[in-house]
Amino acid sequence: MHDEAAKALEAAHQHALTWLSSLQDRPVPPREDAAQVAERLGRELPEGPTDPRDVLDLLAEAGEPGLAAIPSGRFFGFVMGGSHPAALAADWLTSAWDQNAGLRTVTPAAMAVEDVAEAWVVDLLGLPHGSPVGFVTGGTMANFTGLAAGRGAVLDRAGWDVATQGLAGSPGVRVLVGQERHDSVDLVLRYLGLGAPELVAVDDQGRLDIAALSAALEEGDGGPTMVVLQAGNIHSGAFDPMTEAIEVAHAHGAWVHVDGAFGLFAAASPAYRPLIAGYEAADSWATDAHKTLNVPYDCGLVVVRDPAALRAAMSMHGDYLIRDAAGDPFEKVPELSRRNRAAPVWAVLRALGRQGVADLVDRLAARARAFAEGIAAIEGAEVLNDVVFTQVCATFGEDAVTEDVVRRMLVDGTAWTTGSRWHGRAVLRVSVSNWSTTEEDVARTLAALRTAVAEARAAAR
């Protein structure tokens, strides 16, 4: 190895270990903003070269005050899992290997890892055997890819080839989704040129109302249609009633896509699989492996029942490409060039095994229940959702008091909990997503929360 490379990697290793060892005790919010960190980094591009080790030292030392302790067991602000040790280490190795995981013949080791990881994901989640898995950047692009396959399939049934004819002049595609869908679904539909979705009524936990879905489908003209279901409401954690919704949608010829950014892995736990019962009958599924599965960022998973529909939406051709008769990974994702995202997925599944993944899911949900019980014990606090999975939404009286509690929690720094609005009320939202969250982390966060509530109420008097 070149001496400069060895020194740079050693610096990265030492800085990484220092960072990880700080997570237990450091405040969760960053101490400096982006402008302050940029000044530390130096805004002027140097005229000459800098030793790589010095570059790594500067990056680590300048960036440290601006780092949020997202990998900490006390980060509950968004659905952001940490990185399991096996997955993190595999991700480091992935960068060192530097394989372009697009062509099977060119990078066979990367392809072997992806083939095995693909089979394990399909098996673990109980999805149809042989369904291809695309390893994309995250949950948004997983939704994009699954819905792109669906768009092509439903238009093809109507005699329209979107790949050659585009969307102008097409019959169009109706997309029905619950009122409390994640906003990234709307974003993806814009990417796909489909415009805003038609919103269907939901119940008080955000679950799709089957009668409303059936009525909306009946009102259509029978043209190309897709229905997007949700596995894990961002506020309540609730799951759409999969069996009934898929049956109704398929009866009307609709493609059904399941947005399971964090909830899809409920299927890996015997205890929580009933929440998602029937979902295997859908046509495509999406999840973000950085969430419940706890692999590093830049790893979403999309699964499509029909391999031909996925290839039709994503594949491209080039005479210079070395194609393989078994098929190539770039035919399943939006990118031609990409890192080997399957490696950290393979690593965490190999490290945990089937039972370990189930235990991980169960543990996250148990921590959420502990939060709900602890919050409910605070005088005047109210947990607004049925805590069925990993999400907790609470209020502490008037909106102004709840908003002040959220602010004080961030100032305190013990944990990161985020404010939001749900059903017209200000809420504090707790998302339990990190493999390393302990009972002590929950207890420390609840203690800080009790103090924040007391202070906010005293200030409001």
Protein backbone atom coordinates (compact mmCIF):
# COMPACT_ATOMS: atom_id res chain seq x y z
CA MET A 1 0.00 0.00 0.00
CA HIS A 2 1.18 3.52 -0.77
CA ASP A 3 2.46 5.19 2.40
CA GLU A 4 0.09 8.16 2.03
CA ALA A 5 -2.90 5.82 1.76
CA ALA A 6 -1.85 3.88 4.84
CA LYS A 7 -1.47 7.03 6.91
CA ALA A 8 -4.81 8.43 5.73
CA LEU A 9 -6.64 5.21 6.52
CA GLU A 10 -5.01 5.01 9.94
CA ALA A 11 -6.11 8.58 10.65
CA ALA A 12 -9.66 7.78 9.56
CA HIS A 13 -9.65 4.68 11.76
CA GLN A 14 -8.50 6.57 14.84
CA HIS A 15 -10.92 9.44 14.32
CA ALA A 16 -13.79 7.00 13.78
CA LEU A 17 -13.02 5.16 17.01
CA THR A 18 -12.79 8.45 18.90
CA TRP A 19 -16.17 9.50 17.52
CA LEU A 20 -17.87 6.20 18.32
CA SER A 21 -16.45 6.16 21.86
CA SER A 22 -17.89 9.63 22.48
CA LEU A 23 -21.49 8.65 21.76
CA GLN A 24 -22.29 7.35 25.23
CA ASP A 25 -21.80 10.69 26.97
CA ARG A 26 -21.77 13.49 24.40
CA PRO A 27 -24.79 15.78 23.94
CA VAL A 28 -26.87 14.55 21.02
CA PRO A 29 -27.41 17.89 19.20
CA PRO A 30 -24.44 19.52 17.41
CA ARG A 31 -22.64 22.37 19.18
CA GLU A 32 -21.88 24.48 16.09
CA ASP A 33 -23.80 25.37 12.95
CA ALA A 34 -22.75 24.83 9.34
CA ALA A 35 -21.23 28.30 8.91
CA GLN A 36 -19.00 27.85 11.95
CA VAL A 37 -17.79 24.44 10.75
CA ALA A 38 -17.14 25.83 7.27
CA GLU A 39 -14.87 28.48 8.76
CA ARG A 40 -12.92 25.77 10.56
CA LEU A 41 -12.57 23.78 7.35
CA GLY A 42 -11.28 26.81 5.45
CA ARG A 43 -13.32 28.33 2.65
CA GLU A 44 -10.45 29.04 0.23
CA LEU A 45 -9.34 26.21 -2.07
CA PRO A 46 -5.60 25.61 -1.47
CA GLU A 47 -3.24 26.36 -4.34
CA GLY A 48 -1.13 23.30 -3.67
CA PRO A 49 -1.46 19.77 -2.29
CA THR A 50 -2.05 18.82 1.35
CA ASP A 51 -0.89 15.59 2.95
CA PRO A 52 -3.91 13.17 3.05
CA ARG A 53 -3.44 12.51 6.78
CA ASP A 54 -3.55 16.24 7.46
CA VAL A 55 -6.73 16.44 5.39
CA LEU A 56 -8.35 13.72 7.51
CA ASP A 57 -7.24 15.38 10.72
CA LEU A 58 -8.71 18.71 9.62
CA LEU A 59 -12.00 17.11 8.54
CA ALA A 60 -12.42 15.27 11.84
CA GLU A 61 -11.37 18.13 14.09
CA ALA A 62 -13.27 20.86 12.24
CA GLY A 63 -16.35 18.73 11.77
CA GLU A 64 -16.66 17.30 15.30
CA PRO A 65 -18.51 20.28 16.85
CA GLY A 66 -21.04 20.14 14.03
CA LEU A 67 -21.81 16.44 14.31
CA ALA A 68 -25.19 15.28 15.59
CA ALA A 69 -24.94 12.05 17.56
CA ILE A 70 -27.34 10.25 15.25
CA PRO A 71 -25.63 6.88 15.93
CA SER A 72 -26.27 7.41 19.66
CA GLY A 73 -28.84 5.28 21.43
CA ARG A 74 -30.56 8.54 22.44
CA PHE A 75 -31.39 9.92 19.00
CA PHE A 76 -35.17 9.69 18.62
CA GLY A 77 -35.91 12.73 16.47
CA PHE A 78 -36.49 11.03 13.12
CA VAL A 79 -36.64 7.44 11.96
CA MET A 80 -32.87 7.12 11.68
CA GLY A 81 -31.32 3.88 12.78
CA GLY A 82 -27.68 3.62 13.78
CA SER A 83 -25.12 1.42 12.08
CA HIS A 84 -24.71 -2.09 13.41
CA PRO A 85 -20.98 -2.85 13.92
CA ALA A 86 -20.90 -5.56 11.24
CA ALA A 87 -22.67 -3.33 8.73
CA LEU A 88 -20.43 -0.35 9.50
CA ALA A 89 -17.26 -2.38 9.08
CA ALA A 90 -18.56 -3.92 5.84
CA ASP A 91 -19.31 -0.43 4.56
CA TRP A 92 -15.69 0.60 5.23
CA LEU A 93 -14.51 -2.47 3.33
CA THR A 94 -16.91 -1.68 0.50
CA SER A 95 -15.25 1.71 0.01
CA ALA A 96 -11.79 0.15 0.13
CA TRP A 97 -12.73 -2.50 -2.44
CA ASP A 98 -14.18 0.26 -4.67
CA GLN A 99 -16.24 -2.09 -6.83
CA ASN A 100 -18.82 -0.76 -9.28
CA ALA A 101 -21.76 -2.99 -8.42
CA GLY A 102 -23.49 -2.67 -11.76
CA LEU A 103 -22.09 -5.45 -13.95
CA ARG A 104 -21.99 -9.07 -12.85
CA THR A 105 -19.03 -10.12 -15.03
CA VAL A 106 -16.83 -7.18 -14.03
CA THR A 107 -17.26 -7.41 -10.24
CA PRO A 108 -18.26 -10.99 -9.38
CA ALA A 109 -17.52 -10.72 -5.65
CA ALA A 110 -19.88 -7.76 -5.32
CA MET A 111 -22.48 -9.63 -7.34
CA ALA A 112 -22.20 -12.74 -5.19
CA VAL A 113 -22.78 -10.64 -2.06
CA GLU A 114 -25.80 -9.01 -3.70
CA ASP A 115 -27.25 -12.33 -4.88
CA VAL A 116 -27.06 -13.80 -1.38
CA ALA A 117 -28.36 -10.65 0.32
CA GLU A 118 -31.24 -10.46 -2.18
CA ALA A 119 -32.30 -14.04 -1.44
CA TRP A 120 -32.02 -13.49 2.32
CA VAL A 121 -34.13 -10.31 2.23
CA VAL A 122 -36.89 -11.98 0.22
CA ASP A 123 -36.86 -15.03 2.49
CA LEU A 124 -36.69 -13.07 5.75
CA LEU A 125 -39.60 -10.84 4.79
CA GLY A 126 -41.72 -13.67 3.42
CA LEU A 127 -42.00 -12.15 -0.07
CA PRO A 128 -42.64 -14.14 -3.25
CA HIS A 129 -39.72 -16.39 -4.14
CA GLY A 130 -37.73 -15.02 -7.07
CA SER A 131 -38.75 -11.39 -6.58
CA PRO A 132 -35.78 -9.21 -7.57
CA VAL A 133 -34.33 -6.73 -5.07
CA GLY A 134 -32.82 -3.42 -6.11
CA PHE A 135 -30.29 -1.80 -3.77
CA VAL A 136 -30.89 1.95 -4.11
CA THR A 137 -29.94 5.09 -2.17
CA GLY A 138 -32.76 5.08 0.37
CA GLY A 139 -36.49 4.86 0.98
CA THR A 140 -37.39 7.63 -1.48
CA MET A 141 -35.61 5.99 -4.40
CA ALA A 142 -36.98 2.60 -3.36
CA ASN A 143 -40.48 4.08 -3.71
CA PHE A 144 -39.47 5.70 -6.99
CA THR A 145 -38.23 2.42 -8.44
CA GLY A 146 -41.22 0.35 -7.34
CA LEU A 147 -43.70 2.92 -8.61
CA ALA A 148 -41.77 3.34 -11.88
CA ALA A 149 -42.21 -0.40 -12.43
CA GLY A 150 -45.89 -0.05 -11.57
CA ARG A 151 -46.36 2.93 -13.87
CA GLY A 152 -44.96 1.00 -16.81
CA ALA A 153 -46.97 -2.12 -16.02
CA VAL A 154 -50.39 -0.46 -15.70
CA LEU A 155 -49.84 1.65 -18.82
CA ASP A 156 -48.68 -1.43 -20.72
CA ARG A 157 -51.95 -3.17 -19.84
CA ALA A 158 -53.74 -0.19 -21.40
CA GLY A 159 -51.72 -0.59 -24.59
CA TRP A 160 -49.33 2.27 -23.93
CA ASP A 161 -45.53 1.84 -23.90
CA VAL A 162 -44.25 4.62 -21.66
CA ALA A 163 -40.62 3.73 -22.44
CA THR A 164 -40.99 4.70 -26.10
CA GLN A 165 -44.05 6.95 -26.10
CA GLY A 166 -43.53 8.92 -22.91
CA LEU A 167 -46.46 10.22 -20.88
CA ALA A 168 -47.82 12.89 -23.22
CA GLY A 169 -51.02 11.57 -24.76
CA SER A 170 -51.13 8.52 -22.51
CA PRO A 171 -54.28 7.43 -20.65
CA GLY A 172 -52.65 8.76 -17.48
CA VAL A 173 -52.24 6.93 -14.17
CA ARG A 174 -54.40 7.40 -11.09
CA VAL A 175 -52.52 7.02 -7.82
CA LEU A 176 -54.52 6.53 -4.62
CA VAL A 177 -52.91 6.87 -1.21
CA GLY A 178 -54.00 7.48 2.37
CA GLN A 179 -54.23 11.04 3.65
CA GLU A 180 -51.40 10.39 6.13
CA ARG A 181 -48.93 8.97 3.62
CA HIS A 182 -45.31 10.06 3.90
CA ASP A 183 -44.68 13.17 1.81
CA SER A 184 -41.88 11.42 -0.08
CA VAL A 185 -44.59 9.54 -1.97
CA ASP A 186 -45.81 12.85 -3.43
CA LEU A 187 -42.21 13.72 -4.30
CA VAL A 188 -41.72 10.44 -6.14
CA LEU A 189 -44.92 10.91 -8.11
CA ARG A 190 -43.59 14.29 -9.25
CA TYR A 191 -40.37 12.62 -10.35
CA LEU A 192 -42.45 10.13 -12.34
CA GLY A 193 -44.54 12.82 -14.01
CA LEU A 194 -47.75 11.59 -12.38
CA GLY A 195 -48.65 14.69 -10.39
CA ALA A 196 -50.37 14.78 -7.03
CA PRO A 197 -52.02 11.59 -5.73
CA GLU A 198 -55.70 11.20 -4.89
CA LEU A 199 -56.05 11.14 -1.11
CA VAL A 200 -58.17 8.51 0.60
CA ALA A 201 -59.65 8.90 4.10
CA VAL A 202 -57.91 7.28 7.06
CA ASP A 203 -58.87 6.45 10.63
CA ASP A 204 -57.64 8.19 13.78
CA GLN A 205 -54.32 6.30 13.64
CA GLY A 206 -53.68 7.07 9.99
CA ARG A 207 -54.73 3.68 8.64
CA LEU A 208 -56.38 3.60 5.22
CA ASP A 209 -60.18 3.34 5.30
CA ILE A 210 -61.13 0.35 3.15
CA ALA A 211 -64.65 1.59 2.39
CA ALA A 212 -63.22 4.92 1.24
CA LEU A 213 -60.63 3.14 -0.93
CA SER A 214 -63.30 0.95 -2.48
CA ALA A 215 -65.52 3.95 -3.20
CA ALA A 216 -62.63 5.88 -4.78
CA LEU A 217 -61.77 2.95 -7.02
CA GLU A 218 -65.40 2.52 -8.04
CA GLU A 219 -65.52 6.16 -9.09
CA GLY A 220 -62.70 5.66 -11.57
CA ASP A 221 -63.06 4.74 -15.22
CA GLY A 222 -61.07 1.54 -14.91
CA GLY A 223 -57.96 3.12 -16.40
CA PRO A 224 -54.37 2.59 -15.23
CA THR A 225 -54.30 2.80 -11.44
CA MET A 226 -51.85 2.36 -8.60
CA VAL A 227 -52.55 2.17 -4.87
CA VAL A 228 -49.82 3.02 -2.35
CA LEU A 229 -50.14 1.43 1.09
CA GLN A 230 -48.18 2.37 4.20
CA ALA A 231 -46.35 0.03 6.56
CA GLY A 232 -45.60 2.32 9.48
CA ASN A 233 -47.21 5.73 9.88
CA ILE A 234 -44.55 8.31 10.72
CA HIS A 235 -46.54 9.59 13.71
CA SER A 236 -48.48 6.61 15.01
CA GLY A 237 -46.49 3.70 13.60
CA ALA A 238 -49.79 2.23 12.33
CA PHE A 239 -50.03 -0.07 9.31
CA ASP A 240 -52.66 0.06 6.59
CA PRO A 241 -54.93 -3.02 6.54
CA MET A 242 -52.96 -4.87 3.89
CA THR A 243 -55.13 -7.90 3.17
CA GLU A 244 -58.34 -5.97 2.55
CA ALA A 245 -56.70 -3.07 0.72
CA ILE A 246 -54.76 -5.28 -1.65
CA GLU A 247 -57.82 -7.42 -2.39
CA VAL A 248 -59.91 -4.34 -3.23
CA ALA A 249 -57.14 -2.76 -5.31
CA HIS A 250 -56.42 -5.91 -7.30
CA ALA A 251 -60.12 -6.40 -7.97
CA HIS A 252 -59.95 -3.08 -9.82
CA GLY A 253 -56.78 -3.99 -11.70
CA ALA A 254 -54.54 -1.68 -9.68
CA TRP A 255 -50.83 -2.12 -9.01
CA VAL A 256 -50.22 -2.12 -5.24
CA HIS A 257 -47.03 -0.68 -3.81
CA VAL A 258 -46.14 -0.83 -0.10
CA ASP A 259 -44.13 2.05 1.36
CA GLY A 260 -42.48 0.34 4.31
CA ALA A 261 -39.59 2.72 4.96
CA PHE A 262 -39.26 1.54 8.56
CA GLY A 263 -42.20 -0.81 9.02
CA LEU A 264 -41.47 -3.44 6.39
CA PHE A 265 -39.14 -5.30 8.74
CA ALA A 266 -42.04 -5.93 11.11
CA ALA A 267 -42.50 -8.96 8.88
CA ALA A 268 -39.21 -10.35 10.21
CA SER A 269 -40.64 -10.65 13.74
CA PRO A 270 -43.22 -13.32 14.61
CA ALA A 271 -44.53 -10.97 17.30
CA TYR A 272 -45.10 -8.03 14.93
CA ARG A 273 -45.80 -9.81 11.65
CA PRO A 274 -49.58 -9.62 12.26
CA LEU A 275 -49.35 -5.82 11.84
CA ILE A 276 -48.43 -6.30 8.21
CA ALA A 277 -50.39 -9.49 7.47
CA GLY A 278 -51.27 -9.93 3.82
CA TYR A 279 -48.66 -7.54 2.48
CA GLU A 280 -46.93 -10.27 0.49
CA ALA A 281 -49.81 -10.11 -2.04
CA ALA A 282 -48.75 -6.62 -3.19
CA ASP A 283 -46.79 -5.96 -6.39
CA SER A 284 -43.84 -3.97 -5.04
CA TRP A 285 -42.36 -3.05 -1.67
CA ALA A 286 -39.90 -0.41 -0.46
CA THR A 287 -37.84 0.06 2.68
CA ASP A 288 -34.83 2.00 3.91
CA ALA A 289 -32.25 -0.38 5.33
CA HIS A 290 -30.73 2.44 7.39
CA LYS A 291 -33.84 2.54 9.51
CA THR A 292 -35.00 -0.66 11.20
CA LEU A 293 -32.22 -2.86 9.77
CA ASN A 294 -29.49 -0.42 10.95
CA VAL A 295 -27.03 -0.35 8.08
CA PRO A 296 -25.13 2.85 7.17
CA TYR A 297 -26.76 5.50 5.00
CA ASP A 298 -27.20 5.16 1.24
CA CYS A 299 -29.01 1.84 1.27
CA GLY A 300 -32.65 1.44 0.34
CA LEU A 301 -34.30 -1.78 -0.80
CA VAL A 302 -36.98 -2.15 -3.45
CA VAL A 303 -38.58 -5.51 -4.18
CA VAL A 304 -40.80 -6.09 -7.23
CA ARG A 305 -42.86 -9.20 -7.80
CA ASP A 306 -42.52 -9.11 -11.61
CA PRO A 307 -38.87 -9.07 -12.75
CA ALA A 308 -39.89 -8.06 -16.28
CA ALA A 309 -41.74 -4.96 -15.01
CA LEU A 310 -38.68 -3.88 -13.03
CA ARG A 311 -36.29 -4.43 -15.94
CA ALA A 312 -38.62 -2.57 -18.32
CA ALA A 313 -38.59 0.46 -16.04
CA MET A 314 -34.90 0.50 -15.09
CA SER A 315 -32.80 -1.28 -17.70
CA MET A 316 -30.68 0.40 -20.36
CA HIS A 317 -28.44 -0.80 -23.17
CA GLY A 318 -24.94 0.07 -24.28
CA ASP A 319 -22.67 -1.75 -26.72
CA TYR A 320 -19.68 -1.16 -24.47
CA LEU A 321 -21.26 -2.94 -21.48
CA ILE A 322 -20.15 -6.48 -20.67
CA ARG A 323 -23.51 -8.10 -20.18
CA ASP A 324 -24.19 -11.36 -18.36
CA ALA A 325 -26.89 -13.83 -19.38
CA ALA A 326 -27.93 -14.15 -15.73
CA GLY A 327 -28.84 -10.46 -15.66
CA ASP A 328 -27.08 -7.47 -14.17
CA PRO A 329 -27.86 -5.41 -11.06
CA PHE A 330 -28.04 -2.12 -12.97
CA GLU A 331 -31.23 -3.45 -14.59
CA LYS A 332 -32.99 -3.16 -11.21
CA VAL A 333 -32.03 0.36 -10.09
CA PRO A 334 -31.92 3.92 -11.47
CA GLU A 335 -28.09 4.06 -11.55
CA LEU A 336 -25.55 2.39 -13.79
CA SER A 337 -22.59 3.13 -11.52
CA ARG A 338 -23.08 2.50 -7.81
CA ARG A 339 -21.30 1.25 -4.72
CA ASN A 340 -21.86 -2.28 -3.42
CA ARG A 341 -24.77 -1.38 -1.13
CA ALA A 342 -25.58 -5.05 -0.62
CA ALA A 343 -22.41 -5.64 1.42
CA PRO A 344 -23.58 -4.00 4.68
CA VAL A 345 -27.00 -5.63 4.28
CA TRP A 346 -25.36 -9.04 3.88
CA ALA A 347 -23.11 -8.31 6.87
CA VAL A 348 -25.86 -7.34 9.31
CA LEU A 349 -28.05 -10.26 8.24
CA ARG A 350 -25.14 -12.67 8.57
CA ALA A 351 -24.21 -11.21 11.98
CA LEU A 352 -27.75 -11.26 13.40
CA GLY A 353 -29.32 -14.23 11.67
CA ARG A 354 -33.07 -14.70 11.41
CA GLN A 355 -33.59 -14.69 15.20
CA GLY A 356 -31.33 -11.70 15.71
CA VAL A 357 -33.31 -9.57 13.27
CA ALA A 358 -36.54 -10.57 15.02
CA ASP A 359 -34.97 -9.69 18.36
CA LEU A 360 -33.86 -6.32 16.98
CA VAL A 361 -37.39 -5.48 15.83
CA ASP A 362 -38.88 -6.65 19.12
CA ARG A 363 -36.38 -4.63 21.14
CA LEU A 364 -37.08 -1.39 19.23
CA ALA A 365 -40.82 -1.82 19.77
CA ALA A 366 -40.29 -2.62 23.46
CA ARG A 367 -38.28 0.58 23.93
CA ALA A 368 -41.12 2.54 22.32
CA ARG A 369 -43.62 1.01 24.74
CA ALA A 370 -41.35 1.95 27.63
CA PHE A 371 -41.30 5.53 26.37
CA ALA A 372 -45.08 5.58 26.12
CA GLU A 373 -45.48 4.26 29.67
CA GLY A 374 -42.94 6.75 31.03
CA ILE A 375 -44.56 9.71 29.25
CA ALA A 376 -48.05 8.68 30.33
CA ALA A 377 -46.84 8.76 33.95
CA ILE A 378 -46.00 12.48 33.65
CA GLU A 379 -48.86 14.52 35.06
CA GLY A 380 -50.82 16.21 32.29
CA ALA A 381 -49.02 14.36 29.50
CA GLU A 382 -50.97 12.44 26.88
CA VAL A 383 -49.76 9.81 24.44
CA LEU A 384 -51.91 10.39 21.36
CA ASN A 385 -51.25 7.23 19.37
CA ASP A 386 -51.75 3.54 19.92
CA VAL A 387 -48.12 2.48 20.33
CA VAL A 388 -48.16 -0.57 18.07
CA PHE A 389 -44.60 -0.41 16.78
CA THR A 390 -41.73 2.07 17.21
CA GLN A 391 -43.38 5.52 17.18
CA VAL A 392 -44.69 7.60 20.09
CA CYS A 393 -46.50 10.95 19.80
CA ALA A 394 -47.20 12.92 22.97
CA THR A 395 -48.54 16.27 24.03
CA PHE A 396 -48.14 18.14 27.32
CA GLY A 397 -51.19 20.38 27.31
CA GLU A 398 -51.41 23.57 25.27
CA ASP A 399 -49.46 23.68 22.01
CA ALA A 400 -47.18 26.40 23.35
CA VAL A 401 -46.16 24.21 26.28
CA THR A 402 -45.50 21.19 24.06
CA GLU A 403 -43.43 23.30 21.67
CA ASP A 404 -41.43 24.66 24.61
CA VAL A 405 -40.81 21.12 25.86
CA VAL A 406 -39.42 20.20 22.42
CA ARG A 407 -37.14 23.25 22.48
CA ARG A 408 -35.91 22.57 26.02
CA MET A 409 -35.10 18.95 25.19
CA LEU A 410 -32.80 20.07 22.37
CA VAL A 411 -31.14 22.67 24.59
CA ASP A 412 -30.62 20.04 27.30
CA GLY A 413 -28.94 17.72 24.78
CA THR A 414 -29.46 14.45 26.65
CA ALA A 415 -31.49 13.16 23.71
CA TRP A 416 -32.92 14.35 20.44
CA THR A 417 -36.69 14.31 20.22
CA THR A 418 -38.46 16.20 17.47
CA GLY A 419 -41.56 18.33 17.39
CA SER A 420 -44.28 17.86 14.81
CA ARG A 421 -47.98 18.41 14.28
CA TRP A 422 -50.48 15.57 14.19
CA HIS A 423 -54.25 15.90 14.02
CA GLY A 424 -53.92 19.64 14.40
CA ARG A 425 -51.92 19.50 17.64
CA ALA A 426 -48.31 20.19 18.48
CA VAL A 427 -46.61 16.95 19.51
CA LEU A 428 -43.28 15.64 20.68
CA ARG A 429 -42.39 12.62 18.56
CA VAL A 430 -40.17 9.76 19.66
CA SER A 431 -38.90 7.36 16.99
CA VAL A 432 -37.02 4.35 18.31
CA SER A 433 -34.84 3.06 15.51
CA ASN A 434 -31.34 2.41 16.84
CA TRP A 435 -30.05 -1.09 17.60
CA SER A 436 -27.97 0.31 20.48
CA THR A 437 -30.77 2.05 22.41
CA THR A 438 -30.78 0.62 25.94
CA GLU A 439 -33.19 0.76 28.85
CA GLU A 440 -30.77 3.25 30.42
CA ASP A 441 -31.03 5.47 27.33
CA VAL A 442 -34.80 5.46 27.71
CA ALA A 443 -34.56 6.24 31.43
CA ARG A 444 -32.10 9.11 30.87
CA THR A 445 -34.30 10.58 28.17
CA LEU A 446 -37.44 10.33 30.31
CA ALA A 447 -35.65 12.03 33.20
CA ALA A 448 -34.65 14.91 30.91
CA LEU A 449 -38.19 15.05 29.57
CA ARG A 450 -39.71 15.31 33.04
CA THR A 451 -37.42 18.24 33.79
CA ALA A 452 -38.26 19.94 30.48
CA VAL A 453 -41.98 19.54 31.10
CA ALA A 454 -41.73 20.99 34.61
CA GLU A 455 -39.72 23.95 33.37
CA ALA A 456 -42.04 24.60 30.42
CA ARG A 457 -45.10 24.57 32.65
CA ALA A 458 -43.45 26.87 35.19
CA ALA A 459 -42.56 29.32 32.42
CA ALA A 460 -46.13 29.24 31.08
CA ARG A 461 -47.70 30.27 34.40
